[in-house]
């Protein structure tokens, strides 16, 4: 299988994943807004439900690609926190009040999976712990966010044929995940690159690229609470719900580089972000700092191999 064909398959799978989930998100967003959720709660609950990462992670772990599976959670979380939020702050510096319980929930959601990675395996029991933990953590996130903001006015537009949109989105999710993993396997085999590095960096960025848009545009349009809600909701889902489901499907053997480097880096960048959010303001300097941190992370990951 040629490298070019593998690259096309990888890009096509990533595109199909994003497009499929966008349809699901639009329908869910309309329903949630009609239910009276605030912008912060809406983004934390609905936009934070990053299903394409779960689909790609499940397909990867079934194919024995541990680095890719972890890339859809750990790697994607690092990318979200540094590039997603960092770029949003560079483009449109913002001030936002984030309820303390939301920050605590995000911190717990980060520390728990990193602790479970330490023994070298994310077992089915670990997966169950993560999935169970997701429920109260996301409840804290949503309740805190709902109390913090005003509900938007429903626009009265209901998604057309929501069940058809749902079925098409789910079908696209499955196919896109399989094609992405197929392309990943071909690239790793053809180029001889480390599957862990490729999974934690390239796959993570591919499945999370839409998050950059979901962070940047709301902040640019004067709704930073949506950017923050999406960042915290997605972070929580990736590291508990998504990683838990992936491990329940098939236990993950954790490469030493993940537990020794990627996990600690994740805790560090999340701690920095939560500190900035607790202060209530992210300017261009802070955004550039987060993006620079990602550059250092990439350099370290490549050096470790």
Protein backbone atom coordinates (compact mmCIF):
# COMPACT_ATOMS: atom_id res chain seq x y z
CA UNK A 1 0.00 0.00 0.00
CA UNK A 2 1.53 3.35 -1.07
CA UNK A 3 2.15 6.20 1.32
CA UNK A 4 0.03 8.52 -0.84
CA UNK A 5 -2.95 6.17 -0.71
CA UNK A 6 -2.58 5.86 3.07
CA UNK A 7 -2.42 9.64 3.46
CA UNK A 8 -5.56 10.07 1.35
CA UNK A 9 -7.36 7.41 3.41
CA UNK A 10 -6.26 9.07 6.65
CA UNK A 11 -7.38 12.53 5.53
CA UNK A 12 -10.64 11.20 4.10
CA UNK A 13 -11.45 9.29 7.27
CA UNK A 14 -10.74 12.34 9.44
CA UNK A 15 -12.91 14.53 7.19
CA UNK A 16 -15.79 12.05 7.25
CA UNK A 17 -15.59 11.80 11.04
CA UNK A 18 -15.80 15.56 11.48
CA UNK A 19 -18.58 16.03 8.91
CA UNK A 20 -20.67 13.21 10.38
CA UNK A 21 -20.46 14.58 13.89
CA UNK A 22 -21.19 18.14 12.78
CA UNK A 23 -24.66 17.01 11.69
CA UNK A 24 -25.26 15.35 15.04
CA UNK A 25 -24.05 18.42 16.92
CA UNK A 26 -26.33 20.77 14.97
CA UNK A 27 -29.40 18.70 15.78
CA UNK A 28 -28.48 18.32 19.45
CA UNK A 29 -27.64 22.01 19.75
CA UNK A 30 -31.07 23.01 18.51
CA UNK A 31 -32.81 20.67 20.92
CA UNK A 32 -30.68 21.77 23.89
CA UNK A 33 -31.20 25.48 23.18
CA UNK A 34 -34.95 24.89 23.00
CA UNK A 35 -34.70 23.27 26.44
CA UNK A 36 -33.35 26.53 27.89
CA UNK A 37 -29.69 25.67 28.55
CA UNK A 38 -27.25 28.58 28.94
CA UNK A 39 -24.43 29.08 26.44
CA UNK A 40 -21.89 27.76 28.92
CA UNK A 41 -23.99 24.71 29.80
CA UNK A 42 -24.94 24.09 26.18
CA UNK A 43 -21.34 24.04 25.00
CA UNK A 44 -20.12 21.96 27.95
CA UNK A 45 -22.84 19.34 27.49
CA UNK A 46 -23.47 19.18 23.76
CA UNK A 47 -20.38 20.48 22.00
CA UNK A 48 -18.18 18.71 24.55
CA UNK A 49 -19.58 15.34 23.47
CA UNK A 50 -16.71 14.53 21.09
CA UNK A 51 -18.01 11.31 19.56
CA UNK A 52 -15.63 11.20 16.59
CA UNK A 53 -12.68 10.72 18.94
CA UNK A 54 -14.43 7.80 20.61
CA UNK A 55 -15.22 6.19 17.27
CA UNK A 56 -11.63 6.53 16.09
CA UNK A 57 -10.31 5.27 19.42
CA UNK A 58 -12.52 2.18 19.43
CA UNK A 59 -11.51 1.32 15.86
CA UNK A 60 -7.85 1.81 16.76
CA UNK A 61 -7.87 -0.35 19.88
CA UNK A 62 -9.67 -3.15 18.04
CA UNK A 63 -6.84 -3.02 15.48
CA UNK A 64 -4.17 -3.13 18.20
CA UNK A 65 -3.05 0.49 17.72
CA UNK A 66 -2.59 1.53 21.35
CA UNK A 67 -0.84 4.80 20.55
CA UNK A 68 -3.61 5.83 18.19
CA UNK A 69 -6.30 4.88 20.70
CA UNK A 70 -4.61 6.97 23.39
CA UNK A 71 -4.05 9.75 20.87
CA UNK A 72 -7.81 10.20 20.56
CA UNK A 73 -8.02 10.95 24.28
CA UNK A 74 -4.72 12.00 25.88
CA UNK A 75 -3.17 13.50 22.73
CA UNK A 76 -6.41 15.17 21.70
CA UNK A 77 -6.78 16.71 25.16
CA UNK A 78 -3.30 18.23 25.01
CA UNK A 79 -4.03 19.60 21.52
CA UNK A 80 -7.36 21.07 22.67
CA UNK A 81 -5.94 22.80 25.74
CA UNK A 82 -2.88 24.28 24.02
CA UNK A 83 -3.74 24.89 20.36
CA UNK A 84 -7.54 25.15 20.66
CA UNK A 85 -7.74 27.53 23.61
CA UNK A 86 -4.39 29.17 22.82
CA UNK A 87 -5.37 30.14 19.29
CA UNK A 88 -8.75 31.42 20.48
CA UNK A 89 -7.01 33.72 22.97
CA UNK A 90 -4.53 34.96 20.35
CA UNK A 91 -7.29 35.75 17.84
CA UNK A 92 -9.72 37.25 20.36
CA UNK A 93 -8.46 37.85 23.94
CA UNK A 94 -11.33 37.33 26.35
CA UNK A 95 -12.52 37.57 29.92
CA UNK A 96 -14.94 35.01 31.30
CA UNK A 97 -16.16 33.92 34.70
CA UNK A 98 -15.85 30.16 35.11
CA UNK A 99 -17.57 28.60 38.14
CA UNK A 100 -15.08 26.94 40.52
CA UNK A 101 -16.89 23.57 40.48
CA UNK A 102 -16.28 23.38 36.72
CA UNK A 103 -12.56 23.87 37.26
CA UNK A 104 -12.48 21.23 39.98
CA UNK A 105 -14.37 18.74 37.79
CA UNK A 106 -11.91 19.31 34.94
CA UNK A 107 -8.95 18.83 37.28
CA UNK A 108 -10.33 15.54 38.63
CA UNK A 109 -11.10 14.33 35.11
CA UNK A 110 -7.45 14.90 34.20
CA UNK A 111 -5.75 13.38 37.23
CA UNK A 112 -7.86 10.19 37.34
CA UNK A 113 -6.99 8.74 33.91
CA UNK A 114 -3.32 9.69 34.21
CA UNK A 115 -3.20 7.79 37.50
CA UNK A 116 -4.81 4.76 35.84
CA UNK A 117 -2.23 4.87 33.02
CA UNK A 118 0.64 4.54 35.47
CA UNK A 119 0.54 0.72 35.74
CA UNK A 120 0.95 0.29 31.98
CA UNK A 121 -2.58 -0.87 31.17
CA UNK A 122 -6.02 0.67 30.93
CA UNK A 123 -8.08 -2.39 31.80
CA UNK A 124 -11.80 -2.93 31.41
CA UNK A 125 -12.13 -2.27 35.14
CA UNK A 126 -10.31 1.04 34.66
CA UNK A 127 -12.62 1.78 31.74
CA UNK A 128 -15.65 1.15 33.91
CA UNK A 129 -14.27 3.49 36.58
CA UNK A 130 -13.77 6.23 33.99
CA UNK A 131 -17.25 5.85 32.49
CA UNK A 132 -18.88 5.87 35.93
CA UNK A 133 -16.80 8.91 36.93
CA UNK A 134 -17.97 10.77 33.84
CA UNK A 135 -21.58 10.90 35.03
CA UNK A 136 -21.16 12.92 38.27
CA UNK A 137 -18.36 15.03 36.79
CA UNK A 138 -20.39 16.11 33.78
CA UNK A 139 -23.38 16.72 36.06
CA UNK A 140 -21.26 19.11 38.15
CA UNK A 141 -20.06 20.78 34.96
CA UNK A 142 -23.55 21.21 33.53
CA UNK A 143 -25.25 22.35 36.74
CA UNK A 144 -22.52 24.88 37.50
CA UNK A 145 -22.64 26.21 33.95
CA UNK A 146 -26.42 26.44 33.92
CA UNK A 147 -26.44 28.51 37.08
CA UNK A 148 -23.71 30.76 35.69
CA UNK A 149 -25.44 31.95 32.53
CA UNK A 150 -28.71 32.95 30.99
CA UNK A 151 -30.51 30.64 28.64
CA UNK A 152 -30.49 31.71 25.00
CA UNK A 153 -33.72 32.43 23.23
CA UNK A 154 -34.79 29.43 21.14
CA UNK A 155 -34.67 30.30 17.45
CA UNK A 156 -37.69 28.15 16.73
CA UNK A 157 -35.83 26.16 14.09
CA UNK A 158 -36.05 22.44 14.52
CA UNK A 159 -33.65 20.13 12.71
CA UNK A 160 -35.29 18.56 9.65
CA UNK A 161 -35.66 14.78 9.79
CA UNK A 162 -33.60 14.45 12.99
CA UNK A 163 -33.66 10.66 13.05
CA UNK A 164 -32.37 10.44 9.47
CA UNK A 165 -29.63 12.92 10.36
CA UNK A 166 -28.81 10.82 13.41
CA UNK A 167 -28.58 7.55 11.45
CA UNK A 168 -26.48 9.11 8.68
CA UNK A 169 -24.21 10.69 11.25
CA UNK A 170 -23.67 7.42 13.09
CA UNK A 171 -23.01 5.55 9.84
CA UNK A 172 -20.49 8.18 8.77
CA UNK A 173 -18.88 7.99 12.19
CA UNK A 174 -18.29 4.24 11.91
CA UNK A 175 -17.02 4.36 8.31
CA UNK A 176 -14.84 7.41 8.93
CA UNK A 177 -13.21 5.83 11.98
CA UNK A 178 -12.41 2.64 10.07
CA UNK A 179 -10.93 4.54 7.12
CA UNK A 180 -8.84 6.75 9.40
CA UNK A 181 -7.40 3.72 11.22
CA UNK A 182 -6.77 1.99 7.89
CA UNK A 183 -4.81 5.02 6.72
CA UNK A 184 -2.94 5.23 10.02
CA UNK A 185 -1.81 1.63 9.77
CA UNK A 186 -0.61 2.19 6.20
CA UNK A 187 1.35 5.34 7.09
CA UNK A 188 3.02 3.73 10.10
CA UNK A 189 3.97 0.62 8.10
CA UNK A 190 5.17 2.56 5.05
CA UNK A 191 7.21 5.26 6.78
CA UNK A 192 8.38 3.26 9.77
CA UNK A 193 7.42 6.05 12.18
CA UNK A 194 6.55 5.30 15.78
CA UNK A 195 2.86 4.48 16.07
CA UNK A 196 2.83 6.09 19.51
CA UNK A 197 4.20 9.39 18.19
CA UNK A 198 1.93 9.34 15.14
CA UNK A 199 -1.12 8.50 17.24
CA UNK A 200 -0.49 10.99 20.03
CA UNK A 201 0.36 13.83 17.66
CA UNK A 202 -1.05 13.45 14.15
CA UNK A 203 -4.19 11.42 14.87
CA UNK A 204 -4.90 13.55 17.94
CA UNK A 205 -4.73 16.73 15.87
CA UNK A 206 -6.82 15.21 13.06
CA UNK A 207 -9.73 14.16 15.26
CA UNK A 208 -9.59 17.43 17.24
CA UNK A 209 -9.11 19.92 14.43
CA UNK A 210 -12.78 20.92 14.50
CA UNK A 211 -12.31 21.84 18.16
CA UNK A 212 -9.99 24.66 17.09
CA UNK A 213 -12.88 26.19 15.15
CA UNK A 214 -15.31 25.58 18.02
CA UNK A 215 -12.90 27.41 20.34
CA UNK A 216 -11.93 30.29 18.07
CA UNK A 217 -15.20 31.38 16.43
CA UNK A 218 -17.35 31.86 19.57
CA UNK A 219 -14.57 33.89 21.23
CA UNK A 220 -14.14 35.98 18.08
CA UNK A 221 -17.90 36.64 17.98
CA UNK A 222 -18.03 37.79 21.59
CA UNK A 223 -19.20 34.56 23.25
CA UNK A 224 -16.11 33.30 25.11
CA UNK A 225 -18.30 31.36 27.55
CA UNK A 226 -19.11 28.97 24.70
CA UNK A 227 -15.40 28.51 23.99
CA UNK A 228 -14.66 27.78 27.63
CA UNK A 229 -17.65 25.46 28.05
CA UNK A 230 -16.65 23.51 24.96
CA UNK A 231 -13.03 23.22 26.13
CA UNK A 232 -13.90 21.95 29.60
CA UNK A 233 -16.73 19.70 28.43
CA UNK A 234 -14.60 18.14 25.70
CA UNK A 235 -11.65 17.70 28.04
CA UNK A 236 -13.83 15.91 30.57
CA UNK A 237 -15.43 13.67 27.94
CA UNK A 238 -12.16 12.73 26.23
CA UNK A 239 -10.41 11.70 29.44
CA UNK A 240 -13.26 9.88 31.20
CA UNK A 241 -16.21 8.92 29.01
CA UNK A 242 -14.35 8.40 25.74
CA UNK A 243 -11.23 6.72 27.15
CA UNK A 244 -13.45 4.58 29.37
CA UNK A 245 -15.55 3.32 26.47
CA UNK A 246 -12.41 2.56 24.44
CA UNK A 247 -10.96 0.50 27.30
CA UNK A 248 -14.25 -1.33 27.84
CA UNK A 249 -14.20 -2.46 24.21
CA UNK A 250 -10.63 -3.69 24.53
CA UNK A 251 -8.01 -3.06 27.25
CA UNK A 252 -5.18 -0.76 26.17
CA UNK A 253 -1.50 -1.55 26.69
CA UNK A 254 0.03 1.81 27.55
CA UNK A 255 3.41 2.59 25.95
CA UNK A 256 6.04 3.75 28.46
CA UNK A 257 6.28 7.13 26.73
CA UNK A 258 2.60 7.79 27.43
CA UNK A 259 2.72 7.15 31.16
CA UNK A 260 6.16 8.74 31.55
CA UNK A 261 5.82 11.81 29.32
CA UNK A 262 2.44 12.44 27.67
CA UNK A 263 0.43 11.94 30.88
CA UNK A 264 2.50 14.34 33.00
CA UNK A 265 2.47 16.93 30.19
CA UNK A 266 -1.32 16.65 30.08
CA UNK A 267 -1.58 17.39 33.80
CA UNK A 268 0.81 20.34 33.44
CA UNK A 269 -0.99 22.07 30.55
CA UNK A 270 -4.43 21.51 32.09
CA UNK A 271 -3.18 22.97 35.39
CA UNK A 272 -1.93 26.05 33.51
CA UNK A 273 -5.25 26.46 31.68
CA UNK A 274 -7.32 26.07 34.85
CA UNK A 275 -5.12 28.64 36.59
CA UNK A 276 -5.73 31.10 33.76
CA UNK A 277 -9.48 30.45 33.82
CA UNK A 278 -9.57 30.90 37.60
CA UNK A 279 -7.99 34.31 37.06
CA UNK A 280 -10.73 35.03 34.53
CA UNK A 281 -8.73 36.45 31.65
CA UNK A 282 -6.80 35.05 28.67
CA UNK A 283 -4.86 37.50 26.53
CA UNK A 284 -2.64 37.11 23.50
CA UNK A 285 0.43 36.48 25.65
CA UNK A 286 -1.26 33.62 27.49
CA UNK A 287 -2.57 32.17 24.23
CA UNK A 288 0.87 32.33 22.64
CA UNK A 289 2.31 30.67 25.73
CA UNK A 290 -0.12 27.76 25.43
CA UNK A 291 0.71 27.31 21.75
CA UNK A 292 4.44 27.44 22.50
CA UNK A 293 3.92 24.76 25.12
CA UNK A 294 2.44 22.52 22.43
CA UNK A 295 5.51 23.08 20.27
CA UNK A 296 7.72 21.98 23.16
CA UNK A 297 5.46 18.96 23.70
CA UNK A 298 5.78 17.91 20.06
CA UNK A 299 9.56 18.26 20.19
CA UNK A 300 9.74 16.16 23.34
CA UNK A 301 7.43 13.49 21.94
CA UNK A 302 9.45 13.17 18.73
CA UNK A 303 12.71 13.01 20.68
CA UNK A 304 11.38 10.19 22.86
CA UNK A 305 10.01 8.32 19.82
